[in-house]
C-alpha atoms as a PDB file:
ATOM      1  CA  MET A   1      -4.750  17.701  -4.050  1.00  0.00           C
ATOM      2  CA  ARG A   2      -2.215  16.072  -6.350  1.00  0.00           C
ATOM      3  CA  TYR A   3      -3.051  12.448  -5.562  1.00  0.00           C
ATOM      4  CA  PRO A   4      -4.790  10.359  -8.236  1.00  0.00           C
ATOM      5  CA  ALA A   5      -8.589  10.158  -8.070  1.00  0.00           C
ATOM      6  CA  GLY A   6      -9.828   7.615  -5.557  1.00  0.00           C
ATOM      7  CA  CYS A   7      -6.633   7.505  -3.537  1.00  0.00           C
ATOM      8  CA  GLY A   8      -8.009   9.870  -0.921  1.00  0.00           C
ATOM      9  CA  ALA A   9     -10.232   7.088   0.447  1.00  0.00           C
ATOM     10  CA  VAL A  10      -7.442   5.934   2.746  1.00  0.00           C
ATOM     11  CA  PHE A  11      -7.402   9.329   4.485  1.00  0.00           C
ATOM     12  CA  ARG A  12     -10.758   8.527   6.129  1.00  0.00           C
ATOM     13  CA  TYR A  13      -8.904   6.220   8.516  1.00  0.00           C
ATOM     14  CA  ARG A  14      -6.746   7.143  11.453  1.00  0.00           C
ATOM     15  CA  PRO A  15      -3.078   6.349  10.724  1.00  0.00           C
ATOM     16  CA  GLY A  16      -1.129   3.941  12.879  1.00  0.00           C
ATOM     17  CA  LEU A  17       2.539   3.323  13.547  1.00  0.00           C
ATOM     18  CA  THR A  18       2.850   0.774  10.754  1.00  0.00           C
ATOM     19  CA  GLY A  19       0.715  -0.830   8.099  1.00  0.00           C
ATOM     20  CA  PRO A  20       0.749  -3.247   5.187  1.00  0.00           C
ATOM     21  CA  ALA A  21       1.819  -0.614   2.662  1.00  0.00           C
ATOM     22  CA  ALA A  22       4.565   0.760   4.884  1.00  0.00           C
ATOM     23  CA  VAL A  23       6.240  -2.589   5.471  1.00  0.00           C
ATOM     24  CA  ARG A  24       5.521  -4.397   2.188  1.00  0.00           C
ATOM     25  CA  LEU A  25       6.252  -1.566  -0.236  1.00  0.00           C
ATOM     26  CA  ARG A  26       9.253  -0.115   1.552  1.00  0.00           C
ATOM     27  CA  ASP A  27      11.664  -0.392  -1.390  1.00  0.00           C
ATOM     28  CA  ARG A  28       9.297   1.196  -3.895  1.00  0.00           C
ATOM     29  CA  ASP A  29      11.791   3.861  -4.986  1.00  0.00           C
ATOM     30  CA  ARG A  30      14.318   1.249  -6.129  1.00  0.00           C
ATOM     31  CA  LEU A  31      11.774  -0.194  -8.570  1.00  0.00           C
ATOM     32  CA  ARG A  32      11.702   2.974 -10.669  1.00  0.00           C
ATOM     33  CA  ARG A  33      13.375   2.840 -14.063  1.00  0.00           C
ATOM     34  CA  SER A  34      16.315   5.174 -14.488  1.00  0.00           C
ATOM     35  CA  GLY A  35      15.287   8.354 -16.246  1.00  0.00           C
ATOM     36  CA  GLN A  36      11.687   8.018 -15.084  1.00  0.00           C
ATOM     37  CA  ASP A  37      10.356  11.089 -13.290  1.00  0.00           C
ATOM     38  CA  LEU A  38      10.324  10.302  -9.547  1.00  0.00           C
ATOM     39  CA  GLU A  39       7.208  12.323  -8.719  1.00  0.00           C
ATOM     40  CA  GLU A  40       5.218  10.907 -11.630  1.00  0.00           C
ATOM     41  CA  TYR A  41       6.279   7.365 -10.681  1.00  0.00           C
ATOM     42  CA  TYR A  42       5.285   7.966  -7.069  1.00  0.00           C
ATOM     43  CA  LEU A  43       1.864   9.408  -7.925  1.00  0.00           C
ATOM     44  CA  ARG A  44       0.980   6.959 -10.718  1.00  0.00           C
ATOM     45  CA  VAL A  45       2.459   3.718  -9.351  1.00  0.00           C
ATOM     46  CA  VAL A  46       3.376   3.915  -5.670  1.00  0.00           C
ATOM     47  CA  VAL A  47       0.407   5.836  -4.251  1.00  0.00           C
ATOM     48  CA  PRO A  48      -2.252   3.587  -5.856  1.00  0.00           C
ATOM     49  CA  ALA A  49      -0.313   0.484  -4.733  1.00  0.00           C
ATOM     50  CA  LYS A  50      -0.053   1.761  -1.155  1.00  0.00           C
ATOM     51  CA  VAL A  51      -3.721   2.763  -1.058  1.00  0.00           C
ATOM     52  CA  THR A  52      -4.754  -0.648  -2.402  1.00  0.00           C
ATOM     53  CA  ALA A  53      -2.645  -2.498   0.199  1.00  0.00           C
ATOM     54  CA  ASP A  54      -3.960  -0.377   3.067  1.00  0.00           C
ATOM     55  CA  LEU A  55      -7.617  -0.502   1.959  1.00  0.00           C
ATOM     56  CA  ASP A  56      -7.376  -4.273   1.520  1.00  0.00           C
ATOM     57  CA  PHE A  57      -6.224  -4.524   5.135  1.00  0.00           C
ATOM     58  CA  LEU A  58      -8.831  -2.035   6.357  1.00  0.00           C
ATOM     59  CA  ALA A  59     -11.614  -4.006   4.671  1.00  0.00           C
ATOM     60  CA  ASP A  60     -11.017  -6.804   7.200  1.00  0.00           C
ATOM     61  CA  PRO A  61      -8.776  -5.596  10.048  1.00  0.00           C
ATOM     62  CA  THR A  62      -8.761  -8.726  12.197  1.00  0.00           C
ATOM     63  CA  LEU A  63      -6.529  -9.214  15.196  1.00  0.00           C
ATOM     64  CA  ARG A  64      -4.659 -11.949  13.309  1.00  0.00           C
ATOM     65  CA  ARG A  65      -3.921  -9.671  10.334  1.00  0.00           C
ATOM     66  CA  THR A  66      -2.915  -6.831  12.646  1.00  0.00           C
ATOM     67  CA  ILE A  67      -0.470  -9.044  14.525  1.00  0.00           C
ATOM     68  CA  GLY A  68       0.871 -10.287  11.180  1.00  0.00           C
ATOM     69  CA  VAL A  69       1.676  -6.740  10.066  1.00  0.00           C
ATOM     70  CA  MET A  70       3.306  -6.047  13.421  1.00  0.00           C
ATOM     71  CA  ILE A  71       5.471  -9.172  13.049  1.00  0.00           C
ATOM     72  CA  GLU A  72       6.470  -8.160   9.492  1.00  0.00           C
ATOM     73  CA  THR A  73       7.454  -4.734  10.829  1.00  0.00           C
ATOM     74  CA  LEU A  74       9.421  -6.211  13.722  1.00  0.00           C
ATOM     75  CA  LEU A  75      11.272  -8.586  11.375  1.00  0.00           C
ATOM     76  CA  TYR A  76      12.168  -5.659   9.134  1.00  0.00           C
ATOM     77  CA  ILE A  77      13.546  -3.715  12.102  1.00  0.00           C
ATOM     78  CA  VAL A  78      15.444  -6.669  13.593  1.00  0.00           C
ATOM     79  CA  THR A  79      17.045  -7.689  10.293  1.00  0.00           C
ATOM     80  CA  GLY A  80      17.983  -4.121   9.401  1.00  0.00           C
ATOM     81  CA  GLY A  81      15.843  -4.224   6.286  1.00  0.00           C
ATOM     82  CA  ARG A  82      17.481  -7.324   4.835  1.00  0.00           C
ATOM     83  CA  THR A  83      14.172  -9.184   4.541  1.00  0.00           C
ATOM     84  CA  ARG A  84      12.736  -9.573   1.057  1.00  0.00           C
ATOM     85  CA  ARG A  85       9.825  -7.417  -0.011  1.00  0.00           C
ATOM     86  CA  ALA A  86       6.677  -9.485   0.569  1.00  0.00           C
ATOM     87  CA  VAL A  87       4.545  -8.047  -2.235  1.00  0.00           C
ATOM     88  CA  PRO A  88       5.720  -7.063  -5.721  1.00  0.00           C
ATOM     89  CA  ILE A  89       4.422  -3.576  -6.425  1.00  0.00           C
ATOM     90  CA  GLY A  90       2.805  -4.699  -9.694  1.00  0.00           C
ATOM     91  CA  ALA A  91       0.777  -7.316  -7.841  1.00  0.00           C
ATOM     92  CA  VAL A  92      -0.698  -4.689  -5.554  1.00  0.00           C
ATOM     93  CA  ALA A  93      -1.894  -2.235  -8.206  1.00  0.00           C
ATOM     94  CA  PRO A  94      -2.777  -4.113 -11.382  1.00  0.00           C
ATOM     95  CA  ILE A  95      -2.398  -2.187 -14.634  1.00  0.00           C
ATOM     96  CA  GLY A  96      -5.778  -1.037 -15.933  1.00  0.00           C
ATOM     97  CA  LEU A  97      -7.513  -0.994 -12.554  1.00  0.00           C
ATOM     98  CA  THR A  98      -7.800   2.616 -11.533  1.00  0.00           C
ATOM     99  CA  ALA A  99      -7.267   3.752  -7.989  1.00  0.00           C
ATOM    100  CA  GLU A 100     -10.891   4.917  -7.945  1.00  0.00           C
ATOM    101  CA  ALA A 101     -12.083   1.418  -8.831  1.00  0.00           C
ATOM    102  CA  GLN A 102      -9.824  -0.048  -6.152  1.00  0.00           C
ATOM    103  CA  ALA A 103     -11.148   2.406  -3.545  1.00  0.00           C
ATOM    104  CA  THR A 104     -14.765   1.730  -4.560  1.00  0.00           C
ATOM    105  CA  SER A 105     -14.192  -2.010  -4.278  1.00  0.00           C
ATOM    106  CA  ALA A 106     -12.635  -1.679  -0.834  1.00  0.00           C
ATOM    107  CA  SER A 107     -15.335   0.751   0.277  1.00  0.00           C
ATOM    108  CA  SER A 108     -18.099  -1.653  -0.712  1.00  0.00           C
ATOM    109  CA  ALA A 109     -16.311  -4.440   1.158  1.00  0.00           C
ATOM    110  CA  LEU A 110     -16.277  -2.280   4.285  1.00  0.00           C
ATOM    111  CA  SER A 111     -20.022  -1.675   4.147  1.00  0.00           C
ATOM    112  CA  SER A 112     -20.934  -5.372   3.768  1.00  0.00           C
END
């Protein structure tokens, strides 16, 4: 598999119609610097950010948080995507914290 180490942790969960990563990181491709390899950017920056956002949600999937994600998704659909991105991609996947460390942290939160 080509995904960075630790990012496969999110595949243990059944996918839904929407999720925090899908709605909050929707403009991720526009954040890439010109000349930067798209695939490398996606695998090194976007995938770890999406995994972190989804695992954070999955660590505590309350009804309130679930409804919040559904409302964010609905607002995105109703406004035609003109809503601002809720989470800067750099805030989701801090530099220096590997995807494996993020997955381990979220995994330990799930077991507590």
